[in-house]
C-alpha atoms as a PDB file:
ATOM      1  CA  MET A   1      10.363  -6.566 -26.439  1.00  0.00           C
ATOM      2  CA  ILE A   2      11.175  -4.758 -29.683  1.00  0.00           C
ATOM      3  CA  THR A   3       9.813  -6.442 -32.796  1.00  0.00           C
ATOM      4  CA  PHE A   4      10.664  -5.655 -36.387  1.00  0.00           C
ATOM      5  CA  PRO A   5       8.061  -5.742 -39.167  1.00  0.00           C
ATOM      6  CA  PHE A   6       9.569  -8.671 -41.107  1.00  0.00           C
ATOM      7  CA  ALA A   7       6.134  -9.570 -42.415  1.00  0.00           C
ATOM      8  CA  GLN A   8       6.027  -6.215 -44.231  1.00  0.00           C
ATOM      9  CA  LEU A   9       9.391  -6.659 -45.946  1.00  0.00           C
ATOM     10  CA  THR A  10       9.381  -7.600 -49.601  1.00  0.00           C
ATOM     11  CA  PRO A  11      10.982 -10.980 -50.333  1.00  0.00           C
ATOM     12  CA  HIS A  12      12.577  -9.711 -53.562  1.00  0.00           C
ATOM     13  CA  ARG A  13      15.608  -8.272 -51.782  1.00  0.00           C
ATOM     14  CA  LEU A  14      16.362 -11.585 -50.076  1.00  0.00           C
ATOM     15  CA  GLU A  15      15.840 -13.462 -53.344  1.00  0.00           C
ATOM     16  CA  SER A  16      18.233 -11.136 -55.188  1.00  0.00           C
ATOM     17  CA  PHE A  17      20.884 -11.604 -52.506  1.00  0.00           C
ATOM     18  CA  PHE A  18      20.454 -15.385 -52.695  1.00  0.00           C
ATOM     19  CA  ASP A  19      20.835 -15.333 -56.489  1.00  0.00           C
ATOM     20  CA  ALA A  20      24.015 -13.256 -56.275  1.00  0.00           C
ATOM     21  CA  VAL A  21      25.658 -15.545 -53.718  1.00  0.00           C
ATOM     22  CA  PHE A  22      24.673 -18.677 -55.631  1.00  0.00           C
ATOM     23  CA  ALA A  23      26.078 -17.214 -58.859  1.00  0.00           C
ATOM     24  CA  ILE A  24      29.420 -16.600 -57.125  1.00  0.00           C
ATOM     25  CA  ILE A  25      29.483 -20.092 -55.601  1.00  0.00           C
ATOM     26  CA  MET A  26      28.738 -21.776 -58.937  1.00  0.00           C
ATOM     27  CA  THR A  27      31.432 -19.680 -60.630  1.00  0.00           C
ATOM     28  CA  ILE A  28      34.240 -20.411 -58.188  1.00  0.00           C
ATOM     29  CA  LEU A  29      33.525 -24.150 -58.316  1.00  0.00           C
ATOM     30  CA  VAL A  30      35.641 -24.293 -61.468  1.00  0.00           C
ATOM     31  CA  LEU A  31      38.673 -23.067 -59.508  1.00  0.00           C
ATOM     32  CA  GLY A  32      38.832 -26.522 -57.946  1.00  0.00           C
ATOM     33  CA  LEU A  33      39.885 -28.011 -61.295  1.00  0.00           C
ATOM     34  CA  ALA A  34      43.685 -28.137 -61.109  1.00  0.00           C
ATOM     35  CA  LEU A  35      45.970 -29.473 -63.825  1.00  0.00           C
ATOM     36  CA  PRO A  36      48.275 -32.386 -62.911  1.00  0.00           C
ATOM     37  CA  ASP A  37      51.958 -31.961 -62.192  1.00  0.00           C
ATOM     38  CA  GLN A  38      53.447 -30.044 -65.111  1.00  0.00           C
ATOM     39  CA  SER A  39      56.762 -31.910 -64.825  1.00  0.00           C
ATOM     40  CA  ASP A  40      55.113 -34.960 -66.384  1.00  0.00           C
ATOM     41  CA  PRO A  41      51.896 -33.718 -67.999  1.00  0.00           C
ATOM     42  CA  GLY A  42      51.414 -36.628 -70.392  1.00  0.00           C
ATOM     43  CA  SER A  43      48.956 -36.601 -73.278  1.00  0.00           C
ATOM     44  CA  ILE A  44      45.606 -34.841 -73.299  1.00  0.00           C
ATOM     45  CA  ASN A  45      43.811 -38.137 -72.725  1.00  0.00           C
ATOM     46  CA  GLU A  46      45.994 -38.950 -69.721  1.00  0.00           C
ATOM     47  CA  ILE A  47      45.401 -35.489 -68.258  1.00  0.00           C
ATOM     48  CA  CYS A  48      41.627 -35.852 -68.638  1.00  0.00           C
ATOM     49  CA  ILE A  49      41.688 -39.312 -67.074  1.00  0.00           C
ATOM     50  CA  ARG A  50      43.693 -38.044 -64.099  1.00  0.00           C
ATOM     51  CA  MET A  51      41.338 -35.083 -63.718  1.00  0.00           C
ATOM     52  CA  LEU A  52      38.188 -37.194 -64.067  1.00  0.00           C
ATOM     53  CA  PRO A  53      37.433 -37.353 -60.292  1.00  0.00           C
ATOM     54  CA  GLN A  54      37.762 -33.560 -60.091  1.00  0.00           C
ATOM     55  CA  ILE A  55      35.490 -33.103 -63.113  1.00  0.00           C
ATOM     56  CA  ILE A  56      32.877 -35.487 -61.695  1.00  0.00           C
ATOM     57  CA  HIS A  57      32.706 -33.686 -58.346  1.00  0.00           C
ATOM     58  CA  PHE A  58      32.631 -30.314 -60.105  1.00  0.00           C
ATOM     59  CA  ALA A  59      29.737 -31.442 -62.323  1.00  0.00           C
ATOM     60  CA  VAL A  60      27.809 -32.948 -59.404  1.00  0.00           C
ATOM     61  CA  ALA A  61      28.195 -29.816 -57.278  1.00  0.00           C
ATOM     62  CA  PHE A  62      27.379 -27.447 -60.154  1.00  0.00           C
ATOM     63  CA  PHE A  63      24.215 -29.135 -61.368  1.00  0.00           C
ATOM     64  CA  ILE A  64      22.877 -29.823 -57.880  1.00  0.00           C
ATOM     65  CA  LEU A  65      23.395 -26.156 -57.029  1.00  0.00           C
ATOM     66  CA  ALA A  66      21.577 -25.285 -60.255  1.00  0.00           C
ATOM     67  CA  ALA A  67      18.695 -27.537 -59.202  1.00  0.00           C
ATOM     68  CA  PHE A  68      18.615 -25.929 -55.758  1.00  0.00           C
ATOM     69  CA  TRP A  69      18.557 -22.488 -57.364  1.00  0.00           C
ATOM     70  CA  GLY A  70      15.561 -23.554 -59.431  1.00  0.00           C
ATOM     71  CA  ALA A  71      13.804 -24.889 -56.330  1.00  0.00           C
ATOM     72  CA  HIS A  72      14.521 -21.658 -54.464  1.00  0.00           C
ATOM     73  CA  HIS A  73      13.191 -19.622 -57.381  1.00  0.00           C
ATOM     74  CA  ARG A  74       9.958 -21.648 -57.395  1.00  0.00           C
ATOM     75  CA  LEU A  75       9.707 -21.164 -53.628  1.00  0.00           C
ATOM     76  CA  PHE A  76       9.987 -17.389 -53.923  1.00  0.00           C
ATOM     77  CA  THR A  77       7.281 -17.248 -56.568  1.00  0.00           C
ATOM     78  CA  LEU A  78       4.978 -18.312 -53.726  1.00  0.00           C
ATOM     79  CA  VAL A  79       6.519 -16.388 -50.793  1.00  0.00           C
ATOM     80  CA  ARG A  80       4.322 -13.452 -49.791  1.00  0.00           C
ATOM     81  CA  LYS A  81       6.002 -12.324 -46.570  1.00  0.00           C
ATOM     82  CA  LEU A  82       9.111 -12.874 -44.464  1.00  0.00           C
ATOM     83  CA  ASP A  83       9.858 -13.426 -40.829  1.00  0.00           C
ATOM     84  CA  GLY A  84      13.068 -13.499 -38.837  1.00  0.00           C
ATOM     85  CA  MET A  85      13.390 -17.289 -38.739  1.00  0.00           C
ATOM     86  CA  PHE A  86      13.008 -17.646 -42.493  1.00  0.00           C
ATOM     87  CA  ILE A  87      15.720 -15.015 -43.070  1.00  0.00           C
ATOM     88  CA  ARG A  88      18.053 -16.842 -40.663  1.00  0.00           C
ATOM     89  CA  GLN A  89      17.366 -20.135 -42.412  1.00  0.00           C
ATOM     90  CA  THR A  90      18.304 -18.559 -45.744  1.00  0.00           C
ATOM     91  CA  PHE A  91      21.644 -17.284 -44.418  1.00  0.00           C
ATOM     92  CA  ILE A  92      22.443 -20.671 -42.827  1.00  0.00           C
ATOM     93  CA  LEU A  93      21.627 -22.303 -46.149  1.00  0.00           C
ATOM     94  CA  LEU A  94      23.972 -19.908 -47.952  1.00  0.00           C
ATOM     95  CA  PHE A  95      26.704 -20.654 -45.399  1.00  0.00           C
ATOM     96  CA  ILE A  96      26.401 -24.386 -46.106  1.00  0.00           C
ATOM     97  CA  ALA A  97      26.342 -23.719 -49.866  1.00  0.00           C
ATOM     98  CA  CYS A  98      29.516 -21.603 -49.646  1.00  0.00           C
ATOM     99  CA  LEU A  99      31.364 -24.626 -48.270  1.00  0.00           C
ATOM    100  CA  LEU A 100      30.577 -26.682 -51.356  1.00  0.00           C
ATOM    101  CA  PRO A 101      33.494 -25.424 -53.527  1.00  0.00           C
ATOM    102  CA  PHE A 102      35.875 -26.454 -50.733  1.00  0.00           C
ATOM    103  CA  THR A 103      34.351 -29.885 -50.057  1.00  0.00           C
ATOM    104  CA  SER A 104      33.945 -30.725 -53.754  1.00  0.00           C
ATOM    105  CA  THR A 105      37.594 -29.800 -54.451  1.00  0.00           C
ATOM    106  CA  LEU A 106      38.734 -31.792 -51.405  1.00  0.00           C
ATOM    107  CA  ALA A 107      36.779 -34.844 -52.547  1.00  0.00           C
ATOM    108  CA  GLY A 108      37.954 -34.477 -56.151  1.00  0.00           C
ATOM    109  CA  ASP A 109      41.622 -34.261 -55.161  1.00  0.00           C
ATOM    110  CA  ASN A 110      41.316 -37.082 -52.605  1.00  0.00           C
ATOM    111  CA  HIS A 111      38.660 -39.305 -54.165  1.00  0.00           C
ATOM    112  CA  THR A 112      40.150 -42.438 -52.617  1.00  0.00           C
ATOM    113  CA  ASN A 113      40.135 -40.931 -49.127  1.00  0.00           C
ATOM    114  CA  GLY A 114      36.926 -41.892 -47.370  1.00  0.00           C
ATOM    115  CA  SER A 115      36.986 -38.970 -44.932  1.00  0.00           C
ATOM    116  CA  ALA A 116      37.320 -36.369 -47.703  1.00  0.00           C
ATOM    117  CA  VAL A 117      34.487 -37.888 -49.728  1.00  0.00           C
ATOM    118  CA  ILE A 118      32.228 -38.237 -46.676  1.00  0.00           C
ATOM    119  CA  LEU A 119      32.714 -34.547 -45.936  1.00  0.00           C
ATOM    120  CA  PHE A 120      31.418 -33.759 -49.435  1.00  0.00           C
ATOM    121  CA  HIS A 121      28.371 -36.000 -48.895  1.00  0.00           C
ATOM    122  CA  ILE A 122      27.669 -34.407 -45.512  1.00  0.00           C
ATOM    123  CA  ASN A 123      27.774 -30.992 -47.154  1.00  0.00           C
ATOM    124  CA  MET A 124      25.197 -32.174 -49.714  1.00  0.00           C
ATOM    125  CA  LEU A 125      23.091 -33.754 -46.967  1.00  0.00           C
ATOM    126  CA  PHE A 126      22.807 -30.570 -44.910  1.00  0.00           C
ATOM    127  CA  LEU A 127      22.195 -28.464 -48.009  1.00  0.00           C
ATOM    128  CA  GLY A 128      19.315 -30.696 -49.087  1.00  0.00           C
ATOM    129  CA  LEU A 129      17.852 -30.881 -45.592  1.00  0.00           C
ATOM    130  CA  LEU A 130      17.860 -27.090 -45.254  1.00  0.00           C
ATOM    131  CA  PHE A 131      15.901 -26.711 -48.492  1.00  0.00           C
ATOM    132  CA  LEU A 132      13.424 -29.293 -47.239  1.00  0.00           C
ATOM    133  CA  VAL A 133      13.113 -27.519 -43.883  1.00  0.00           C
ATOM    134  CA  GLN A 134      12.436 -24.217 -45.630  1.00  0.00           C
ATOM    135  CA  TRP A 135       9.538 -25.677 -47.621  1.00  0.00           C
ATOM    136  CA  ILE A 136       8.031 -27.152 -44.452  1.00  0.00           C
ATOM    137  CA  TYR A 137       8.520 -23.922 -42.521  1.00  0.00           C
ATOM    138  CA  VAL A 138       6.959 -21.550 -45.057  1.00  0.00           C
ATOM    139  CA  GLN A 139       3.985 -23.884 -45.460  1.00  0.00           C
ATOM    140  CA  ASN A 140       3.367 -24.367 -41.738  1.00  0.00           C
ATOM    141  CA  TYR A 141       3.769 -20.658 -40.914  1.00  0.00           C
ATOM    142  CA  GLN A 142       1.731 -19.522 -43.933  1.00  0.00           C
ATOM    143  CA  LEU A 143       4.451 -17.398 -45.514  1.00  0.00           C
ATOM    144  CA  ILE A 144       3.465 -18.556 -48.997  1.00  0.00           C
ATOM    145  CA  SER A 145       0.340 -18.805 -51.096  1.00  0.00           C
ATOM    146  CA  PRO A 146      -1.759 -21.833 -50.113  1.00  0.00           C
ATOM    147  CA  LEU A 147      -0.683 -25.113 -51.717  1.00  0.00           C
ATOM    148  CA  SER A 148      -2.910 -28.075 -52.385  1.00  0.00           C
ATOM    149  CA  TRP A 149      -1.983 -31.219 -50.494  1.00  0.00           C
ATOM    150  CA  PRO A 150      -0.987 -33.221 -53.628  1.00  0.00           C
ATOM    151  CA  LEU A 151       1.349 -30.436 -54.751  1.00  0.00           C
ATOM    152  CA  TYR A 152       2.827 -29.991 -51.264  1.00  0.00           C
ATOM    153  CA  ARG A 153       3.398 -33.735 -50.950  1.00  0.00           C
ATOM    154  CA  PHE A 154       5.074 -33.762 -54.368  1.00  0.00           C
ATOM    155  CA  ILE A 155       7.415 -30.930 -53.283  1.00  0.00           C
ATOM    156  CA  LEU A 156       8.339 -32.729 -50.058  1.00  0.00           C
ATOM    157  CA  ILE A 157       9.115 -35.971 -51.870  1.00  0.00           C
ATOM    158  CA  LYS A 158      11.150 -34.178 -54.546  1.00  0.00           C
ATOM    159  CA  SER A 159      13.061 -32.177 -51.913  1.00  0.00           C
ATOM    160  CA  SER A 160      13.917 -35.414 -50.080  1.00  0.00           C
ATOM    161  CA  ILE A 161      15.742 -36.948 -53.043  1.00  0.00           C
ATOM    162  CA  VAL A 162      19.088 -35.163 -52.559  1.00  0.00           C
ATOM    163  CA  PRO A 163      19.298 -35.848 -48.783  1.00  0.00           C
ATOM    164  CA  CYS A 164      18.489 -39.517 -49.385  1.00  0.00           C
ATOM    165  CA  ILE A 165      21.106 -39.786 -52.137  1.00  0.00           C
ATOM    166  CA  ALA A 166      23.650 -38.050 -49.862  1.00  0.00           C
ATOM    167  CA  LEU A 167      22.958 -40.618 -47.136  1.00  0.00           C
ATOM    168  CA  LEU A 168      23.454 -43.359 -49.711  1.00  0.00           C
ATOM    169  CA  GLY A 169      26.749 -41.735 -50.717  1.00  0.00           C
ATOM    170  CA  ILE A 170      27.909 -41.686 -47.089  1.00  0.00           C
ATOM    171  CA  GLY A 171      27.160 -45.389 -46.815  1.00  0.00           C
ATOM    172  CA  MET A 172      28.963 -46.176 -50.074  1.00  0.00           C
ATOM    173  CA  SER A 173      31.990 -44.161 -48.920  1.00  0.00           C
ATOM    174  CA  PHE A 174      32.792 -46.863 -46.370  1.00  0.00           C
ATOM    175  CA  LEU A 175      32.827 -49.474 -49.139  1.00  0.00           C
ATOM    176  CA  SER A 176      34.227 -47.615 -52.150  1.00  0.00           C
ATOM    177  CA  PRO A 177      34.940 -43.882 -51.718  1.00  0.00           C
ATOM    178  CA  GLU A 178      35.967 -43.357 -55.353  1.00  0.00           C
ATOM    179  CA  TRP A 179      32.596 -44.616 -56.622  1.00  0.00           C
ATOM    180  CA  SER A 180      30.332 -43.110 -53.964  1.00  0.00           C
ATOM    181  CA  SER A 181      29.711 -39.833 -55.823  1.00  0.00           C
ATOM    182  CA  VAL A 182      28.320 -41.716 -58.831  1.00  0.00           C
ATOM    183  CA  CYS A 183      25.074 -42.183 -56.902  1.00  0.00           C
ATOM    184  CA  TYR A 184      24.199 -38.506 -57.523  1.00  0.00           C
ATOM    185  CA  PHE A 185      23.686 -39.342 -61.194  1.00  0.00           C
ATOM    186  CA  PHE A 186      20.581 -41.285 -60.148  1.00  0.00           C
ATOM    187  CA  ILE A 187      18.876 -38.023 -59.111  1.00  0.00           C
ATOM    188  CA  PRO A 188      17.515 -37.238 -62.637  1.00  0.00           C
ATOM    189  CA  ILE A 189      16.173 -40.798 -62.889  1.00  0.00           C
ATOM    190  CA  LEU A 190      14.380 -40.540 -59.547  1.00  0.00           C
ATOM    191  CA  GLU A 191      12.957 -37.133 -60.443  1.00  0.00           C
ATOM    192  CA  TRP A 192      11.742 -38.447 -63.793  1.00  0.00           C
ATOM    193  CA  ALA A 193      10.062 -41.383 -62.050  1.00  0.00           C
ATOM    194  CA  LEU A 194       8.442 -38.991 -59.570  1.00  0.00           C
ATOM    195  CA  TYR A 195       7.141 -36.726 -62.344  1.00  0.00           C
ATOM    196  CA  HIS A 196       5.901 -39.741 -64.292  1.00  0.00           C
ATOM    197  CA  GLU A 197       4.052 -41.151 -61.302  1.00  0.00           C
ATOM    198  CA  SER A 198       2.529 -37.762 -60.481  1.00  0.00           C
ATOM    199  CA  TRP A 199       1.390 -37.345 -64.073  1.00  0.00           C
ATOM    200  CA  ARG A 200      -0.161 -40.817 -64.093  1.00  0.00           C
ATOM    201  CA  SER A 201      -2.123 -40.024 -60.945  1.00  0.00           C
ATOM    202  CA  MET A 202      -3.573 -36.963 -62.700  1.00  0.00           C
ATOM    203  CA  MET A 203      -4.755 -38.911 -65.753  1.00  0.00           C
ATOM    204  CA  PRO A 204      -8.526 -39.192 -66.178  1.00  0.00           C
ATOM    205  CA  GLY A 205     -10.210 -42.406 -65.153  1.00  0.00           C
ATOM    206  CA  LYS A 206      -7.985 -42.959 -62.092  1.00  0.00           C
ATOM    207  CA  SER A 207     -10.030 -42.129 -59.032  1.00  0.00           C
ATOM    208  CA  ALA A 208      -8.441 -42.060 -55.606  1.00  0.00           C
ATOM    209  CA  SER A 209     -11.045 -44.403 -54.186  1.00  0.00           C
ATOM    210  CA  SER A 210     -13.807 -46.704 -55.358  1.00  0.00           C
ATOM    211  CA  ASP A 211     -16.144 -45.422 -52.662  1.00  0.00           C
ATOM    212  CA  THR A 212     -19.296 -43.858 -54.115  1.00  0.00           C
ATOM    213  CA  GLY A 213     -22.144 -41.998 -52.513  1.00  0.00           C
ATOM    214  CA  GLU A 214     -25.241 -40.168 -53.581  1.00  0.00           C
ATOM    215  CA  PRO A 215     -24.599 -38.174 -56.762  1.00  0.00           C
ATOM    216  CA  VAL A 216     -25.061 -34.421 -56.804  1.00  0.00           C
ATOM    217  CA  VAL A 217     -26.351 -33.212 -60.170  1.00  0.00           C
ATOM    218  CA  LEU A 218     -25.060 -29.840 -61.368  1.00  0.00           C
ATOM    219  CA  THR A 219     -26.942 -28.196 -64.228  1.00  0.00           C
ATOM    220  CA  ILE A 220     -24.759 -26.052 -66.490  1.00  0.00           C
ATOM    221  CA  PRO A 221     -26.359 -22.972 -68.095  1.00  0.00           C
ATOM    222  CA  ASN A 222     -26.565 -22.788 -71.885  1.00  0.00           C
ATOM    223  CA  GLU A 223     -24.028 -19.935 -72.242  1.00  0.00           C
ATOM    224  CA  ILE A 224     -21.430 -21.834 -70.206  1.00  0.00           C
ATOM    225  CA  GLU A 225     -22.136 -24.989 -72.165  1.00  0.00           C
ATOM    226  CA  GLN A 226     -21.506 -23.132 -75.415  1.00  0.00           C
ATOM    227  CA  THR A 227     -18.161 -21.944 -74.056  1.00  0.00           C
ATOM    228  CA  LEU A 228     -17.277 -25.496 -73.039  1.00  0.00           C
ATOM    229  CA  VAL A 229     -18.151 -26.755 -76.499  1.00  0.00           C
ATOM    230  CA  SER A 230     -15.928 -24.120 -78.131  1.00  0.00           C
ATOM    231  CA  VAL A 231     -12.969 -24.788 -75.815  1.00  0.00           C
ATOM    232  CA  ALA A 232     -13.344 -28.562 -76.183  1.00  0.00           C
ATOM    233  CA  HIS A 233     -13.356 -28.169 -79.957  1.00  0.00           C
ATOM    234  CA  GLU A 234     -10.150 -26.103 -79.844  1.00  0.00           C
ATOM    235  CA  MET A 235      -8.486 -28.669 -77.572  1.00  0.00           C
ATOM    236  CA  GLU A 236      -9.793 -31.555 -79.715  1.00  0.00           C
ATOM    237  CA  ILE A 237     -11.280 -33.384 -76.747  1.00  0.00           C
ATOM    238  CA  SER A 238     -14.839 -34.170 -75.744  1.00  0.00           C
ATOM    239  CA  LYS A 239     -16.913 -31.749 -73.719  1.00  0.00           C
ATOM    240  CA  GLU A 240     -17.283 -34.314 -70.960  1.00  0.00           C
ATOM    241  CA  HIS A 241     -13.511 -34.863 -70.791  1.00  0.00           C
ATOM    242  CA  LEU A 242     -12.961 -31.105 -70.539  1.00  0.00           C
ATOM    243  CA  ILE A 243     -15.376 -30.801 -67.597  1.00  0.00           C
ATOM    244  CA  ILE A 244     -13.655 -33.636 -65.749  1.00  0.00           C
ATOM    245  CA  GLN A 245     -10.238 -32.025 -66.310  1.00  0.00           C
ATOM    246  CA  ILE A 246     -11.505 -28.662 -65.008  1.00  0.00           C
ATOM    247  CA  LEU A 247     -12.891 -30.288 -61.868  1.00  0.00           C
ATOM    248  CA  LYS A 248      -9.694 -32.264 -61.285  1.00  0.00           C
ATOM    249  CA  ARG A 249      -7.608 -29.092 -61.677  1.00  0.00           C
ATOM    250  CA  TRP A 250      -9.838 -27.281 -59.209  1.00  0.00           C
ATOM    251  CA  LYS A 251      -9.590 -30.190 -56.760  1.00  0.00           C
ATOM    252  CA  ASN A 252      -5.772 -30.154 -56.829  1.00  0.00           C
ATOM    253  CA  GLU A 253      -5.262 -26.391 -56.671  1.00  0.00           C
ATOM    254  CA  THR A 254      -7.922 -25.345 -54.162  1.00  0.00           C
ATOM    255  CA  ARG A 255      -7.190 -25.499 -50.437  1.00  0.00           C
ATOM    256  CA  VAL A 256     -10.272 -27.007 -48.791  1.00  0.00           C
ATOM    257  CA  ASN A 257     -11.116 -29.245 -45.879  1.00  0.00           C
ATOM    258  CA  THR A 258     -10.645 -32.668 -47.437  1.00  0.00           C
ATOM    259  CA  GLY A 259     -12.238 -34.572 -44.571  1.00  0.00           C
ATOM    260  CA  SER A 260     -11.260 -37.879 -43.023  1.00  0.00           C
ATOM    261  CA  GLN A 261     -11.100 -39.740 -46.348  1.00  0.00           C
ATOM    262  CA  GLY A 262      -8.218 -37.595 -47.575  1.00  0.00           C
ATOM    263  CA  SER A 263      -9.879 -36.610 -50.836  1.00  0.00           C
ATOM    264  CA  LEU A 264     -12.313 -33.922 -51.752  1.00  0.00           C
ATOM    265  CA  CYS A 265     -14.388 -35.771 -54.310  1.00  0.00           C
ATOM    266  CA  HIS A 266     -14.223 -38.380 -57.029  1.00  0.00           C
ATOM    267  CA  PHE A 267     -15.357 -37.844 -60.579  1.00  0.00           C
ATOM    268  CA  SER A 268     -17.448 -40.091 -62.778  1.00  0.00           C
ATOM    269  CA  PRO A 269     -17.287 -39.735 -66.566  1.00  0.00           C
ATOM    270  CA  GLU A 270     -21.007 -40.414 -66.830  1.00  0.00           C
ATOM    271  CA  ILE A 271     -22.840 -37.424 -68.284  1.00  0.00           C
ATOM    272  CA  HIS A 272     -26.615 -36.971 -68.257  1.00  0.00           C
ATOM    273  CA  THR A 273     -28.712 -34.556 -70.283  1.00  0.00           C
ATOM    274  CA  ASP A 274     -32.112 -33.301 -69.184  1.00  0.00           C
ATOM    275  CA  ALA A 275     -35.102 -32.326 -71.371  1.00  0.00           C
ATOM    276  CA  SER A 276     -33.754 -28.824 -72.014  1.00  0.00           C
ATOM    277  CA  ASP A 277     -30.504 -30.335 -73.360  1.00  0.00           C
ATOM    278  CA  GLN A 278     -28.500 -28.844 -70.514  1.00  0.00           C
ATOM    279  CA  LEU A 279     -25.407 -30.724 -69.471  1.00  0.00           C
ATOM    280  CA  SER A 280     -25.305 -32.309 -66.008  1.00  0.00           C
ATOM    281  CA  THR A 281     -22.343 -33.988 -64.419  1.00  0.00           C
ATOM    282  CA  ASP A 282     -22.439 -36.545 -61.635  1.00  0.00           C
ATOM    283  CA  ILE A 283     -19.989 -35.832 -58.865  1.00  0.00           C
ATOM    284  CA  ASN A 284     -19.690 -38.589 -56.287  1.00  0.00           C
ATOM    285  CA  ARG A 285     -18.967 -37.263 -52.854  1.00  0.00           C
END
């Protein structure tokens, strides 16, 4: 069996190729916008109204491709090595993406035809699923830098939005094909809600569990305490709040064995000071 050293290949070449193909796809999307019959063009307003389905499908395809490009860019900031399966997945993904100018034009020109619109939704569905599969693959086969579980879960949920919306569009196509593509405009709302919920879960004072155990007291040396005081003053927050934020950041970005409870530790804002005026923080296991 002859094996090739894919793990030694730099991912930058694959990323550059992906960017080039995506740039071409996003450019030729505009070729699907065709003016109405010139024998009876009508006014500018009438032309725009007649072209509205084409414009909607062009906008949906363009901005979703832009979002996928951003997701792929974030993925490759973490990719450290390649293997043959990941390269094949990328080329299959590009193949599906190259079909999007055709399916979006077909749906825009035949927006009342359920079959044409469903084909567009299926194209979006497979494109979204392939991005989701890539994130799962690189994480499971350790092709990227380690991700904390909260961040990985956030990526999976965010990557599932487009496939779920595409499935909704397929269902709506049987009821009203001309309105089914409107569901893609809910993607920014869902992403905003996801970001908002993730941000709320990171706010201080919201512990993952009310379970408490024996506290472990950590004594901070004077020189580190002075640094904390200076940084807290610059950030205009309390020293205690700064320590809690540092520990929460470490908890979410460090890959560790989280145990059966699903969380590393919980933080209490209670701060104790010993006789030497050194700062101690209670960390509940």
